[in-house]
Amino acid sequence: MPGDPAAAAFVYDDIRNFLSAFDRIQAGANPREALELEYFARATPGLKALSARKGVSAATMAKSVRRQASDYRWLSNLAAQLIRHEPAMRKAVRIALREGSLTHARAPIRMP
C-alpha cells in the first residue's frame, strides 16, 4: 500500500521509450522491431502488467501506429506536461486518499 503521495515517484520511462521507438518508426524503422526493442524490451513493471492484461504486444501496437501515426504525435510533449502538473496530481491524490474515495483492488488506501 502506498504511503505519502508527496513521496511517490512519477515514472516517465515508458513514455520516453515509446517516443524513442516512435521516432525510429517515423525515420523508417520497422514498427514492430522498433517497438519491441525500444519500448517493450525496456518496459517498466507497470507496462508489463498492463500489456499482459490487455493483450498488447509490439505486433499489435505496430498495426495501430501504422494506421494512426498522427494520433501518437501529440505524445512528444506528454512527459513535460505531466511533470508540470505533478503538484496538482499529488494534491488530488492526497485529497482522494483523505476522503477515502481512492481505493486499491484489495483494500481502501489510507493515509498514514
C-alpha atoms as a PDB file:
ATOM      1  CA  MET A   1       0.000   0.000   0.000  1.00  0.00           C
ATOM      2  CA  PRO A   2       1.319   3.457  -0.780  1.00  0.00           C
ATOM      3  CA  GLY A   3       2.234   5.948   1.869  1.00  0.00           C
ATOM      4  CA  ASP A   4       2.544   9.681   1.433  1.00  0.00           C
ATOM      5  CA  PRO A   5       1.708  10.771  -2.131  1.00  0.00           C
ATOM      6  CA  ALA A   6       4.287  13.537  -1.795  1.00  0.00           C
ATOM      7  CA  ALA A   7       6.956  10.836  -1.626  1.00  0.00           C
ATOM      8  CA  ALA A   8       5.679   8.904  -4.662  1.00  0.00           C
ATOM      9  CA  ALA A   9       7.897   8.764  -7.714  1.00  0.00           C
ATOM     10  CA  PHE A  10       6.348   9.552 -11.063  1.00  0.00           C
ATOM     11  CA  VAL A  11       7.899   7.273 -13.668  1.00  0.00           C
ATOM     12  CA  TYR A  12       8.064   8.501 -17.252  1.00  0.00           C
ATOM     13  CA  ASP A  13      10.321   5.787 -18.666  1.00  0.00           C
ATOM     14  CA  ASP A  14       7.573   4.138 -20.698  1.00  0.00           C
ATOM     15  CA  ILE A  15       6.569   7.414 -22.332  1.00  0.00           C
ATOM     16  CA  ARG A  16      10.170   8.221 -23.211  1.00  0.00           C
ATOM     17  CA  ASN A  17      10.812   4.701 -24.501  1.00  0.00           C
ATOM     18  CA  PHE A  18       7.700   4.787 -26.660  1.00  0.00           C
ATOM     19  CA  LEU A  19       8.756   8.141 -28.102  1.00  0.00           C
ATOM     20  CA  SER A  20      12.186   6.723 -28.905  1.00  0.00           C
ATOM     21  CA  ALA A  21      10.523   3.859 -30.786  1.00  0.00           C
ATOM     22  CA  PHE A  22       8.085   6.229 -32.485  1.00  0.00           C
ATOM     23  CA  ASP A  23      10.934   8.483 -33.654  1.00  0.00           C
ATOM     24  CA  ARG A  24      12.676   5.456 -35.160  1.00  0.00           C
ATOM     25  CA  ILE A  25       9.441   4.419 -36.885  1.00  0.00           C
ATOM     26  CA  GLN A  26       8.996   7.912 -38.303  1.00  0.00           C
ATOM     27  CA  ALA A  27      12.566   7.683 -39.623  1.00  0.00           C
ATOM     28  CA  GLY A  28      11.716   4.468 -41.477  1.00  0.00           C
ATOM     29  CA  ALA A  29      12.417   1.661 -38.985  1.00  0.00           C
ATOM     30  CA  ASN A  30      10.256  -1.440 -38.937  1.00  0.00           C
ATOM     31  CA  PRO A  31       7.454  -0.558 -36.455  1.00  0.00           C
ATOM     32  CA  ARG A  32       7.261  -3.949 -34.752  1.00  0.00           C
ATOM     33  CA  GLU A  33      11.021  -4.176 -34.313  1.00  0.00           C
ATOM     34  CA  ALA A  34      11.352  -0.590 -33.064  1.00  0.00           C
ATOM     35  CA  LEU A  35       8.543  -1.050 -30.556  1.00  0.00           C
ATOM     36  CA  GLU A  36       9.947  -4.360 -29.353  1.00  0.00           C
ATOM     37  CA  LEU A  37      13.498  -3.054 -28.876  1.00  0.00           C
ATOM     38  CA  GLU A  38      12.825   0.476 -27.660  1.00  0.00           C
ATOM     39  CA  TYR A  39       9.542   0.089 -25.790  1.00  0.00           C
ATOM     40  CA  PHE A  40       8.567  -3.434 -24.750  1.00  0.00           C
ATOM     41  CA  ALA A  41      12.086  -4.727 -24.038  1.00  0.00           C
ATOM     42  CA  ARG A  42      12.607  -1.742 -21.687  1.00  0.00           C
ATOM     43  CA  ALA A  43       9.128  -1.797 -20.157  1.00  0.00           C
ATOM     44  CA  THR A  44       8.552  -0.908 -16.528  1.00  0.00           C
ATOM     45  CA  PRO A  45       6.735  -3.464 -14.354  1.00  0.00           C
ATOM     46  CA  GLY A  46       3.558  -1.402 -14.749  1.00  0.00           C
ATOM     47  CA  LEU A  47       3.687  -1.512 -18.548  1.00  0.00           C
ATOM     48  CA  LYS A  48       4.458  -5.232 -18.472  1.00  0.00           C
ATOM     49  CA  ALA A  49       1.402  -5.889 -16.289  1.00  0.00           C
ATOM     50  CA  LEU A  50      -0.864  -3.665 -18.369  1.00  0.00           C
ATOM     51  CA  SER A  51       0.341  -5.185 -21.648  1.00  0.00           C
ATOM     52  CA  ALA A  52      -0.233  -8.698 -20.361  1.00  0.00           C
ATOM     53  CA  ARG A  53      -3.696  -7.860 -19.052  1.00  0.00           C
ATOM     54  CA  LYS A  54      -4.763  -6.057 -22.241  1.00  0.00           C
ATOM     55  CA  GLY A  55      -3.028  -8.396 -24.687  1.00  0.00           C
ATOM     56  CA  VAL A  56      -0.895  -5.638 -26.188  1.00  0.00           C
ATOM     57  CA  SER A  57       2.340  -6.566 -27.917  1.00  0.00           C
ATOM     58  CA  ALA A  58       4.825  -4.953 -30.270  1.00  0.00           C
ATOM     59  CA  ALA A  59       2.951  -6.556 -33.167  1.00  0.00           C
ATOM     60  CA  THR A  60      -0.495  -5.291 -32.147  1.00  0.00           C
ATOM     61  CA  MET A  61       0.798  -1.831 -31.315  1.00  0.00           C
ATOM     62  CA  ALA A  62       2.742  -1.637 -34.587  1.00  0.00           C
ATOM     63  CA  LYS A  63      -0.511  -2.084 -36.501  1.00  0.00           C
ATOM     64  CA  SER A  64      -2.066   0.787 -34.596  1.00  0.00           C
ATOM     65  CA  VAL A  65       0.943   3.048 -35.037  1.00  0.00           C
ATOM     66  CA  ARG A  66       0.994   2.360 -38.779  1.00  0.00           C
ATOM     67  CA  ARG A  67      -2.725   3.135 -39.165  1.00  0.00           C
ATOM     68  CA  GLN A  68      -2.882   6.110 -36.835  1.00  0.00           C
ATOM     69  CA  ALA A  69       0.574   7.682 -36.633  1.00  0.00           C
ATOM     70  CA  SER A  70      -0.916  11.162 -36.363  1.00  0.00           C
ATOM     71  CA  ASP A  71      -2.731  10.107 -33.181  1.00  0.00           C
ATOM     72  CA  TYR A  72       0.610   9.390 -31.498  1.00  0.00           C
ATOM     73  CA  ARG A  73       2.445  12.600 -32.411  1.00  0.00           C
ATOM     74  CA  TRP A  74       0.937  14.572 -29.517  1.00  0.00           C
ATOM     75  CA  LEU A  75       2.761  12.296 -27.064  1.00  0.00           C
ATOM     76  CA  SER A  76       6.024  14.147 -27.706  1.00  0.00           C
ATOM     77  CA  ASN A  77       5.031  16.772 -25.118  1.00  0.00           C
ATOM     78  CA  LEU A  78       3.269  14.447 -22.681  1.00  0.00           C
ATOM     79  CA  ALA A  79       6.125  13.864 -20.217  1.00  0.00           C
ATOM     80  CA  ALA A  80       6.795  17.604 -19.912  1.00  0.00           C
ATOM     81  CA  GLN A  81       3.095  18.295 -19.366  1.00  0.00           C
ATOM     82  CA  LEU A  82       2.837  15.596 -16.702  1.00  0.00           C
ATOM     83  CA  ILE A  83       5.927  16.880 -14.908  1.00  0.00           C
ATOM     84  CA  ARG A  84       4.449  20.373 -14.896  1.00  0.00           C
ATOM     85  CA  HIS A  85       1.213  19.040 -13.365  1.00  0.00           C
ATOM     86  CA  GLU A  86       2.791  16.785 -10.727  1.00  0.00           C
ATOM     87  CA  PRO A  87       1.955  19.131  -7.828  1.00  0.00           C
ATOM     88  CA  ALA A  88      -1.724  19.190  -8.796  1.00  0.00           C
ATOM     89  CA  MET A  89      -1.796  15.411  -9.258  1.00  0.00           C
ATOM     90  CA  ARG A  90      -0.226  14.887  -5.823  1.00  0.00           C
ATOM     91  CA  LYS A  91      -2.771  17.230  -4.266  1.00  0.00           C
ATOM     92  CA  ALA A  92      -5.662  15.404  -5.951  1.00  0.00           C
ATOM     93  CA  VAL A  93      -4.382  12.023  -4.743  1.00  0.00           C
ATOM     94  CA  ARG A  94      -3.887  13.351  -1.226  1.00  0.00           C
ATOM     95  CA  ILE A  95      -7.481  14.671  -1.149  1.00  0.00           C
ATOM     96  CA  ALA A  96      -8.871  11.441  -2.579  1.00  0.00           C
ATOM     97  CA  LEU A  97      -6.959   9.402  -0.012  1.00  0.00           C
ATOM     98  CA  ARG A  98      -8.129  11.619   2.832  1.00  0.00           C
ATOM     99  CA  GLU A  99     -11.757  11.331   1.661  1.00  0.00           C
ATOM    100  CA  GLY A 100     -11.451   7.580   1.126  1.00  0.00           C
ATOM    101  CA  SER A 101     -12.512   7.858  -2.492  1.00  0.00           C
ATOM    102  CA  LEU A 102      -9.333   6.277  -3.878  1.00  0.00           C
ATOM    103  CA  THR A 103      -9.272   2.537  -3.375  1.00  0.00           C
ATOM    104  CA  HIS A 104      -6.911  -0.318  -4.092  1.00  0.00           C
ATOM    105  CA  ALA A 105      -8.026  -3.562  -5.726  1.00  0.00           C
ATOM    106  CA  ARG A 106      -7.960  -5.374  -2.386  1.00  0.00           C
ATOM    107  CA  ALA A 107      -8.498  -2.664   0.209  1.00  0.00           C
ATOM    108  CA  PRO A 108      -9.009   1.071   0.543  1.00  0.00           C
ATOM    109  CA  ILE A 109      -5.812   3.089   0.507  1.00  0.00           C
ATOM    110  CA  ARG A 110      -5.382   5.073   3.700  1.00  0.00           C
ATOM    111  CA  MET A 111      -3.053   7.917   4.516  1.00  0.00           C
ATOM    112  CA  PRO A 112      -0.529   7.039   7.236  1.00  0.00           C
END
